[in-house]
Protein backbone atom coordinates (compact mmCIF):
# COMPACT_ATOMS: atom_id res chain seq x y z
CA MET A 1 -7.75 288.86 -55.34
CA VAL A 2 -4.94 291.38 -54.84
CA ALA A 3 -2.43 288.62 -54.16
CA THR A 4 -3.37 286.85 -57.41
CA THR A 5 -2.91 290.05 -59.36
CA VAL A 6 0.51 290.69 -57.78
CA VAL A 7 1.68 287.16 -58.58
CA MET A 8 0.42 287.45 -62.17
CA VAL A 9 2.27 290.77 -62.65
CA LEU A 10 5.48 289.31 -61.20
CA CYS A 11 5.25 286.26 -63.45
CA ALA A 12 4.57 288.40 -66.51
CA ALA A 13 7.57 290.60 -65.68
CA GLY A 14 9.79 287.54 -65.23
CA ILE A 15 8.69 286.04 -68.54
CA ALA A 16 9.21 289.37 -70.33
CA PHE A 17 12.72 289.66 -68.87
CA TYR A 18 13.57 286.10 -69.89
CA VAL A 19 12.33 286.62 -73.47
CA ARG A 20 14.21 289.92 -73.77
CA PHE A 21 17.40 288.30 -72.43
CA MET A 22 17.17 285.40 -74.87
CA ILE A 23 16.61 287.76 -77.82
CA ALA A 24 19.65 289.85 -76.85
CA LEU A 25 21.74 286.72 -76.40
CA GLY A 26 20.69 285.45 -79.80
CA LYS A 27 21.62 288.74 -81.47
CA GLU A 28 25.06 288.70 -79.87
CA CYS A 29 25.98 285.22 -81.14
CA LYS A 30 27.58 285.22 -84.57
CA PRO A 31 26.26 282.60 -86.97
CA GLY A 32 28.92 280.11 -88.00
CA ALA A 33 31.27 281.05 -85.15
CA SER A 34 31.82 277.42 -84.23
CA GLY A 35 34.91 276.02 -85.88
CA TYR A 36 36.48 279.47 -86.34
CA TRP A 37 39.69 278.51 -84.55
CA VAL A 38 40.01 275.28 -86.51
CA ARG A 39 39.82 277.15 -89.80
CA LEU A 40 42.20 279.81 -88.51
CA ARG A 41 44.88 277.37 -87.39
CA THR A 42 44.79 274.80 -90.19
CA GLY A 43 43.54 276.75 -93.18
CA THR A 44 46.37 278.66 -94.84
CA GLY A 45 44.66 279.05 -98.19
CA ASP A 46 47.37 277.04 -100.00
CA GLY A 47 45.91 273.66 -99.15
CA GLU A 48 48.87 272.80 -96.92
CA LEU A 49 48.64 272.07 -93.22
CA MET A 50 50.37 274.19 -90.63
CA GLU A 51 52.75 272.55 -88.19
CA LEU A 52 52.13 272.99 -84.50
CA ARG A 53 54.71 275.12 -82.75
CA THR A 54 56.47 273.77 -79.70
CA PRO A 55 56.88 276.29 -76.91
CA LYS A 56 60.40 277.51 -76.16
CA PRO A 57 61.74 276.73 -72.69
CA PRO A 58 62.10 279.78 -70.43
CA PRO A 59 65.61 281.22 -70.15
CA THR A 60 67.55 280.16 -67.09
CA THR A 61 69.17 282.80 -64.91
CA ARG A 62 72.08 282.29 -62.55
CA ALA A 63 72.03 283.80 -59.09
CA ALA A 64 75.21 285.74 -58.32
């Protein structure tokens, strides 16, 4: 009887923690955040597409 009560309390605590965690996780996610980087990189507001930048090679140094 005592063991059943202990297991029920542990399960209830685990379920409560899981529900609380999922609610907090849902509040932290911004709606419409997917595709943010695509809009940021390609959308300039003028209707023109941005060109991708090519990285510059690192400067070479000579050992003296």
